[in-house]
């Protein structure tokens, strides 16, 4: 179970390598974002649901903070408010980091991705606003 966060504290964010669109059951906004913005938001705390061990080290190095989840391949679920939930903690903001690979390269399942195959990173901020 996640630790309680004081009401006036900035909300922690959820960080992963993908987000299952099957969990979008309410209004969601996806926007490209920059590394500095991710790092600033993660400074208030982050929880990882990173699912691909082959890119974890490179992603953590790029992000500038550890993206290792508490357990291997944690699965998200929906809260009563239709927000992503992990280990009892509910999130209204999720950040997705996905690698750009060299043209034509697609790793096989469970393949360790060599760092030289990663040419950059895409950062997306997924939010679930209260307004319709």
N, C-alpha and C. Protein backbone atom coordinates (compact mmCIF):
# COMPACT_ATOMS: atom_id res chain seq x y z
N UNK A 1 0.85 -1.17 0.00
CA UNK A 1 0.00 0.00 0.00
C UNK A 1 0.90 1.24 0.00
N UNK A 2 0.52 2.24 -0.75
CA UNK A 2 1.30 3.48 -0.85
C UNK A 2 1.15 4.30 0.42
N UNK A 3 2.17 5.10 0.72
CA UNK A 3 2.13 5.99 1.88
C UNK A 3 1.17 7.13 1.63
N UNK A 4 0.54 7.62 2.69
CA UNK A 4 -0.36 8.76 2.57
C UNK A 4 0.44 10.01 2.21
N UNK A 5 -0.17 10.86 1.40
CA UNK A 5 0.46 12.11 0.98
C UNK A 5 -0.35 13.24 1.56
N UNK A 6 0.29 14.23 2.24
CA UNK A 6 -0.47 15.36 2.79
C UNK A 6 -1.26 16.07 1.70
N UNK A 7 -2.44 16.61 2.08
CA UNK A 7 -3.33 17.26 1.12
C UNK A 7 -2.68 18.38 0.34
N UNK A 8 -1.82 19.17 0.96
CA UNK A 8 -1.22 20.33 0.27
C UNK A 8 0.05 19.97 -0.50
N UNK A 9 0.47 18.71 -0.46
CA UNK A 9 1.66 18.29 -1.18
C UNK A 9 1.34 18.11 -2.66
N UNK A 10 2.30 18.41 -3.55
CA UNK A 10 2.06 18.16 -4.97
C UNK A 10 1.80 16.67 -5.19
N UNK A 11 0.91 16.36 -6.08
CA UNK A 11 0.57 14.96 -6.35
C UNK A 11 1.73 14.25 -7.03
N UNK A 12 1.92 13.00 -6.64
CA UNK A 12 2.92 12.18 -7.31
C UNK A 12 2.40 11.82 -8.70
N UNK A 13 3.33 11.49 -9.56
CA UNK A 13 2.96 11.12 -10.93
C UNK A 13 3.25 9.64 -11.16
N UNK A 14 2.59 9.11 -12.14
CA UNK A 14 2.80 7.74 -12.58
C UNK A 14 3.68 7.82 -13.82
N UNK A 15 4.68 6.92 -13.93
CA UNK A 15 5.60 6.93 -15.07
C UNK A 15 5.73 5.52 -15.61
N UNK A 16 5.62 5.39 -16.94
CA UNK A 16 5.77 4.09 -17.56
C UNK A 16 6.21 4.19 -19.00
N UNK A 17 6.36 3.04 -19.63
CA UNK A 17 6.82 3.00 -21.02
C UNK A 17 5.64 2.95 -22.00
N UNK A 18 4.44 2.76 -21.50
CA UNK A 18 3.24 2.75 -22.33
C UNK A 18 2.04 2.92 -21.41
N UNK A 19 0.89 3.20 -22.00
CA UNK A 19 -0.34 3.27 -21.20
C UNK A 19 -1.42 2.54 -21.98
N UNK A 20 -2.07 1.57 -21.36
CA UNK A 20 -3.09 0.81 -22.08
C UNK A 20 -4.34 1.66 -22.36
N UNK A 21 -4.63 1.91 -23.63
CA UNK A 21 -5.79 2.73 -23.97
C UNK A 21 -7.09 2.08 -23.54
N UNK A 22 -7.08 0.79 -23.28
CA UNK A 22 -8.29 0.14 -22.78
C UNK A 22 -8.68 0.65 -21.40
N UNK A 23 -7.77 1.34 -20.72
CA UNK A 23 -8.07 1.92 -19.40
C UNK A 23 -8.58 3.35 -19.49
N UNK A 24 -8.71 3.90 -20.67
CA UNK A 24 -9.24 5.26 -20.81
C UNK A 24 -10.75 5.14 -20.87
N UNK A 25 -11.40 5.53 -19.77
CA UNK A 25 -12.85 5.44 -19.66
C UNK A 25 -13.48 6.78 -19.31
N UNK A 26 -12.66 7.83 -19.35
CA UNK A 26 -13.11 9.19 -19.11
C UNK A 26 -12.23 10.11 -19.94
N UNK A 27 -12.55 11.40 -19.94
CA UNK A 27 -11.78 12.34 -20.76
C UNK A 27 -10.30 12.26 -20.39
N UNK A 28 -9.47 12.17 -21.43
CA UNK A 28 -8.02 12.11 -21.25
C UNK A 28 -7.39 13.08 -22.24
N UNK A 29 -6.31 13.72 -21.81
CA UNK A 29 -5.58 14.65 -22.66
C UNK A 29 -4.14 14.15 -22.74
N UNK A 30 -3.64 13.98 -23.98
CA UNK A 30 -2.27 13.54 -24.19
C UNK A 30 -1.52 14.66 -24.90
N UNK A 31 -0.40 15.09 -24.30
CA UNK A 31 0.40 16.17 -24.88
C UNK A 31 1.87 15.80 -24.87
N UNK A 32 2.59 16.10 -25.95
CA UNK A 32 4.05 15.93 -25.91
C UNK A 32 4.63 16.86 -24.84
N UNK A 33 5.68 16.42 -24.21
CA UNK A 33 6.30 17.20 -23.14
C UNK A 33 7.81 17.10 -23.25
N UNK A 34 8.48 17.93 -22.47
CA UNK A 34 9.93 17.94 -22.47
C UNK A 34 10.51 17.30 -21.22
N UNK A 35 11.80 17.01 -21.29
CA UNK A 35 12.49 16.36 -20.19
C UNK A 35 12.49 17.22 -18.92
N UNK A 36 12.73 18.52 -19.05
CA UNK A 36 12.77 19.39 -17.88
C UNK A 36 11.41 19.39 -17.16
N UNK A 37 10.34 19.37 -17.94
CA UNK A 37 9.00 19.34 -17.34
C UNK A 37 8.77 18.02 -16.59
N UNK A 38 9.17 16.91 -17.20
CA UNK A 38 9.05 15.61 -16.52
C UNK A 38 9.85 15.60 -15.23
N UNK A 39 11.09 16.06 -15.28
CA UNK A 39 11.93 16.05 -14.08
C UNK A 39 11.36 16.94 -12.99
N UNK A 40 10.80 18.09 -13.36
CA UNK A 40 10.21 18.98 -12.36
C UNK A 40 9.02 18.32 -11.69
N UNK A 41 8.17 17.65 -12.47
CA UNK A 41 7.01 16.97 -11.89
C UNK A 41 7.43 15.77 -11.05
N UNK A 42 8.44 15.04 -11.50
CA UNK A 42 8.89 13.85 -10.77
C UNK A 42 9.56 14.22 -9.45
N UNK A 43 10.02 15.45 -9.33
CA UNK A 43 10.66 15.88 -8.08
C UNK A 43 9.70 15.79 -6.90
N UNK A 44 8.40 15.91 -7.16
CA UNK A 44 7.39 15.78 -6.09
C UNK A 44 7.11 14.32 -5.76
N UNK A 45 7.65 13.43 -6.55
CA UNK A 45 7.47 12.00 -6.33
C UNK A 45 6.90 11.32 -7.55
N UNK A 46 7.37 10.13 -7.80
CA UNK A 46 6.87 9.36 -8.94
C UNK A 46 6.76 7.90 -8.55
N UNK A 47 5.86 7.22 -9.24
CA UNK A 47 5.67 5.78 -9.07
C UNK A 47 5.78 5.18 -10.46
N UNK A 48 6.59 4.15 -10.59
CA UNK A 48 6.85 3.56 -11.91
C UNK A 48 6.03 2.29 -12.12
N UNK A 49 5.53 2.15 -13.34
CA UNK A 49 4.93 0.88 -13.76
C UNK A 49 5.65 0.40 -15.02
N UNK A 50 6.97 0.66 -15.08
CA UNK A 50 7.78 0.32 -16.25
C UNK A 50 7.68 -1.17 -16.50
N UNK A 51 7.42 -1.55 -17.75
CA UNK A 51 7.19 -2.95 -18.05
C UNK A 51 8.21 -3.61 -18.95
N UNK A 52 9.16 -2.87 -19.51
CA UNK A 52 10.13 -3.46 -20.42
C UNK A 52 11.53 -3.38 -19.80
N UNK A 53 12.00 -4.46 -19.21
CA UNK A 53 13.33 -4.42 -18.59
C UNK A 53 14.44 -4.07 -19.57
N UNK A 54 14.23 -4.36 -20.87
CA UNK A 54 15.30 -4.13 -21.85
C UNK A 54 15.61 -2.65 -22.05
N UNK A 55 14.67 -1.77 -21.75
CA UNK A 55 14.91 -0.33 -21.94
C UNK A 55 15.01 0.43 -20.61
N UNK A 56 14.87 -0.27 -19.51
CA UNK A 56 14.82 0.39 -18.20
C UNK A 56 16.08 1.21 -17.89
N UNK A 57 17.25 0.64 -18.08
CA UNK A 57 18.50 1.36 -17.75
C UNK A 57 18.65 2.61 -18.61
N UNK A 58 18.42 2.47 -19.91
CA UNK A 58 18.56 3.63 -20.81
C UNK A 58 17.52 4.70 -20.48
N UNK A 59 16.30 4.28 -20.17
CA UNK A 59 15.25 5.25 -19.84
C UNK A 59 15.56 5.98 -18.54
N UNK A 60 16.04 5.26 -17.54
CA UNK A 60 16.40 5.89 -16.28
C UNK A 60 17.54 6.89 -16.47
N UNK A 61 18.52 6.52 -17.28
CA UNK A 61 19.64 7.44 -17.56
C UNK A 61 19.12 8.69 -18.26
N UNK A 62 18.24 8.52 -19.24
CA UNK A 62 17.67 9.67 -19.95
C UNK A 62 16.84 10.54 -19.01
N UNK A 63 15.99 9.93 -18.20
CA UNK A 63 15.11 10.69 -17.31
C UNK A 63 15.87 11.38 -16.19
N UNK A 64 16.98 10.80 -15.77
CA UNK A 64 17.74 11.39 -14.67
C UNK A 64 17.25 10.93 -13.31
N UNK A 65 16.38 9.92 -13.28
CA UNK A 65 15.95 9.33 -12.01
C UNK A 65 15.57 7.87 -12.27
N UNK A 66 15.55 7.09 -11.21
CA UNK A 66 15.32 5.65 -11.31
C UNK A 66 13.87 5.36 -11.69
N UNK A 67 13.68 4.62 -12.77
CA UNK A 67 12.35 4.24 -13.22
C UNK A 67 11.99 2.79 -12.90
N UNK A 68 12.81 2.15 -12.07
CA UNK A 68 12.53 0.76 -11.72
C UNK A 68 11.25 0.68 -10.88
N UNK A 69 10.32 -0.18 -11.28
CA UNK A 69 9.10 -0.35 -10.48
C UNK A 69 9.40 -1.16 -9.22
N UNK A 70 8.49 -1.10 -8.26
CA UNK A 70 8.67 -1.85 -7.02
C UNK A 70 8.66 -3.36 -7.25
N UNK A 71 7.92 -3.79 -8.27
CA UNK A 71 7.90 -5.21 -8.63
C UNK A 71 7.89 -5.31 -10.15
N UNK A 72 8.24 -6.48 -10.66
CA UNK A 72 8.34 -6.66 -12.11
C UNK A 72 6.97 -6.56 -12.78
N UNK A 73 6.91 -5.77 -13.85
CA UNK A 73 5.73 -5.59 -14.71
C UNK A 73 4.43 -5.36 -13.93
N UNK A 74 4.38 -4.31 -13.12
CA UNK A 74 3.15 -4.05 -12.37
C UNK A 74 1.99 -3.71 -13.31
N UNK A 75 0.80 -4.15 -12.96
CA UNK A 75 -0.38 -3.92 -13.80
C UNK A 75 -1.25 -2.83 -13.19
N UNK A 76 -1.63 -1.88 -14.04
CA UNK A 76 -2.55 -0.82 -13.62
C UNK A 76 -3.97 -1.35 -13.62
N UNK A 77 -4.82 -0.70 -12.85
CA UNK A 77 -6.25 -0.96 -12.90
C UNK A 77 -6.96 0.37 -12.76
N UNK A 78 -8.27 0.38 -12.87
CA UNK A 78 -9.03 1.63 -12.75
C UNK A 78 -9.60 1.78 -11.35
N UNK A 79 -9.56 3.01 -10.86
CA UNK A 79 -10.17 3.33 -9.57
C UNK A 79 -11.67 3.54 -9.77
N UNK A 80 -12.39 3.77 -8.70
CA UNK A 80 -13.82 4.07 -8.78
C UNK A 80 -14.07 5.34 -9.58
N UNK A 81 -13.09 6.26 -9.61
CA UNK A 81 -13.19 7.51 -10.36
C UNK A 81 -12.75 7.35 -11.81
N UNK A 82 -12.45 6.11 -12.21
CA UNK A 82 -11.97 5.78 -13.56
C UNK A 82 -10.61 6.41 -13.85
N UNK A 83 -9.78 6.48 -12.83
CA UNK A 83 -8.40 6.96 -12.94
C UNK A 83 -7.45 5.77 -12.78
N UNK A 84 -6.24 5.87 -13.32
CA UNK A 84 -5.28 4.77 -13.13
C UNK A 84 -4.95 4.60 -11.66
N UNK A 85 -4.87 3.35 -11.27
CA UNK A 85 -4.57 3.00 -9.88
C UNK A 85 -3.49 1.93 -9.86
N UNK A 86 -2.55 2.10 -8.94
CA UNK A 86 -1.48 1.12 -8.76
C UNK A 86 -1.22 0.97 -7.27
N UNK A 87 -1.32 -0.23 -6.78
CA UNK A 87 -1.07 -0.54 -5.37
C UNK A 87 -1.88 0.35 -4.43
N UNK A 88 -3.11 0.65 -4.78
CA UNK A 88 -3.99 1.44 -3.92
C UNK A 88 -3.85 2.94 -4.07
N UNK A 89 -2.87 3.40 -4.83
CA UNK A 89 -2.69 4.84 -5.07
C UNK A 89 -3.35 5.20 -6.40
N UNK A 90 -4.07 6.32 -6.42
CA UNK A 90 -4.79 6.78 -7.61
C UNK A 90 -4.05 7.98 -8.19
N UNK A 91 -3.97 8.03 -9.52
CA UNK A 91 -3.20 9.07 -10.20
C UNK A 91 -4.06 9.77 -11.24
N UNK A 92 -3.90 11.08 -11.35
CA UNK A 92 -4.59 11.84 -12.40
C UNK A 92 -3.61 12.31 -13.47
N UNK A 93 -2.35 11.92 -13.32
CA UNK A 93 -1.32 12.32 -14.27
C UNK A 93 -0.36 11.16 -14.49
N UNK A 94 -0.13 10.84 -15.76
CA UNK A 94 0.75 9.73 -16.12
C UNK A 94 1.71 10.22 -17.20
N UNK A 95 2.96 9.87 -17.09
CA UNK A 95 3.98 10.24 -18.06
C UNK A 95 4.48 9.00 -18.75
N UNK A 96 4.56 9.06 -20.07
CA UNK A 96 4.98 7.93 -20.87
C UNK A 96 6.31 8.28 -21.55
N UNK A 97 7.30 7.42 -21.41
CA UNK A 97 8.58 7.58 -22.11
C UNK A 97 8.72 6.40 -23.05
N UNK A 98 8.85 6.69 -24.32
CA UNK A 98 9.03 5.60 -25.28
C UNK A 98 10.24 5.90 -26.15
N UNK A 99 11.06 4.86 -26.38
CA UNK A 99 12.28 5.08 -27.15
C UNK A 99 12.01 5.17 -28.65
N UNK A 100 12.80 5.98 -29.31
CA UNK A 100 12.86 5.99 -30.76
C UNK A 100 14.03 5.07 -31.13
N UNK A 101 13.77 4.14 -32.03
CA UNK A 101 14.80 3.20 -32.45
C UNK A 101 15.34 3.58 -33.82
N UNK A 102 16.48 3.01 -34.17
CA UNK A 102 17.01 3.22 -35.50
C UNK A 102 15.97 2.74 -36.52
N UNK A 103 15.89 3.39 -37.67
CA UNK A 103 14.87 3.03 -38.66
C UNK A 103 14.87 1.53 -39.00
N UNK A 104 13.68 0.95 -38.99
CA UNK A 104 13.53 -0.45 -39.35
C UNK A 104 13.75 -1.44 -38.22
N UNK A 105 14.19 -0.96 -37.05
CA UNK A 105 14.45 -1.87 -35.93
C UNK A 105 13.23 -1.97 -35.04
N UNK A 106 12.83 -3.19 -34.74
CA UNK A 106 11.78 -3.45 -33.76
C UNK A 106 12.25 -4.62 -32.92
N UNK A 107 12.44 -4.39 -31.62
CA UNK A 107 12.98 -5.47 -30.79
C UNK A 107 12.02 -6.65 -30.69
N UNK A 108 12.58 -7.84 -30.63
CA UNK A 108 11.79 -9.05 -30.40
C UNK A 108 11.32 -9.05 -28.94
N UNK A 109 10.24 -9.75 -28.63
CA UNK A 109 9.81 -9.84 -27.23
C UNK A 109 10.97 -10.32 -26.35
N UNK A 110 11.15 -9.64 -25.25
CA UNK A 110 12.20 -9.94 -24.26
C UNK A 110 13.61 -9.70 -24.77
N UNK A 111 13.77 -9.09 -25.94
CA UNK A 111 15.11 -8.80 -26.46
C UNK A 111 15.71 -7.64 -25.68
N UNK A 112 16.96 -7.79 -25.30
CA UNK A 112 17.69 -6.70 -24.66
C UNK A 112 18.05 -5.70 -25.75
N UNK A 113 17.60 -4.46 -25.59
CA UNK A 113 17.83 -3.45 -26.62
C UNK A 113 19.19 -2.80 -26.40
N UNK A 114 20.07 -2.91 -27.37
CA UNK A 114 21.37 -2.27 -27.23
C UNK A 114 21.20 -0.74 -27.22
N UNK A 115 21.90 -0.05 -26.34
CA UNK A 115 21.75 1.41 -26.26
C UNK A 115 21.97 2.12 -27.59
N UNK A 116 22.83 1.58 -28.45
CA UNK A 116 23.08 2.24 -29.73
C UNK A 116 21.87 2.17 -30.67
N UNK A 117 20.89 1.33 -30.39
CA UNK A 117 19.66 1.26 -31.19
C UNK A 117 18.66 2.35 -30.80
N UNK A 118 18.83 2.95 -29.63
CA UNK A 118 17.94 4.01 -29.17
C UNK A 118 18.49 5.34 -29.66
N UNK A 119 17.72 6.02 -30.49
CA UNK A 119 18.18 7.29 -31.08
C UNK A 119 17.61 8.51 -30.37
N UNK A 120 16.64 8.31 -29.51
CA UNK A 120 16.02 9.41 -28.79
C UNK A 120 14.83 8.90 -27.99
N UNK A 121 14.10 9.84 -27.39
CA UNK A 121 12.96 9.48 -26.55
C UNK A 121 11.79 10.42 -26.82
N UNK A 122 10.62 9.87 -26.77
CA UNK A 122 9.38 10.63 -26.85
C UNK A 122 8.80 10.67 -25.44
N UNK A 123 8.39 11.86 -25.00
CA UNK A 123 7.77 12.00 -23.69
C UNK A 123 6.36 12.51 -23.90
N UNK A 124 5.41 11.81 -23.33
CA UNK A 124 4.01 12.22 -23.40
C UNK A 124 3.46 12.37 -21.99
N UNK A 125 2.66 13.41 -21.81
CA UNK A 125 1.98 13.64 -20.53
C UNK A 125 0.50 13.34 -20.74
N UNK A 126 -0.02 12.39 -19.97
CA UNK A 126 -1.41 11.98 -20.04
C UNK A 126 -2.10 12.45 -18.77
N UNK A 127 -3.11 13.28 -18.92
CA UNK A 127 -3.85 13.78 -17.76
C UNK A 127 -5.32 13.43 -17.91
N UNK A 128 -6.00 13.38 -16.80
CA UNK A 128 -7.42 13.09 -16.73
C UNK A 128 -8.11 14.27 -16.03
N UNK A 129 -8.45 15.31 -16.79
CA UNK A 129 -9.06 16.50 -16.19
C UNK A 129 -10.42 16.21 -15.57
N UNK A 130 -10.78 17.02 -14.56
CA UNK A 130 -12.09 16.87 -13.92
C UNK A 130 -13.21 17.35 -14.82
N UNK A 131 -12.95 18.40 -15.59
CA UNK A 131 -14.01 18.97 -16.45
C UNK A 131 -14.26 18.07 -17.65
N UNK A 132 -15.48 18.09 -18.19
CA UNK A 132 -15.81 17.23 -19.33
C UNK A 132 -15.11 17.64 -20.61
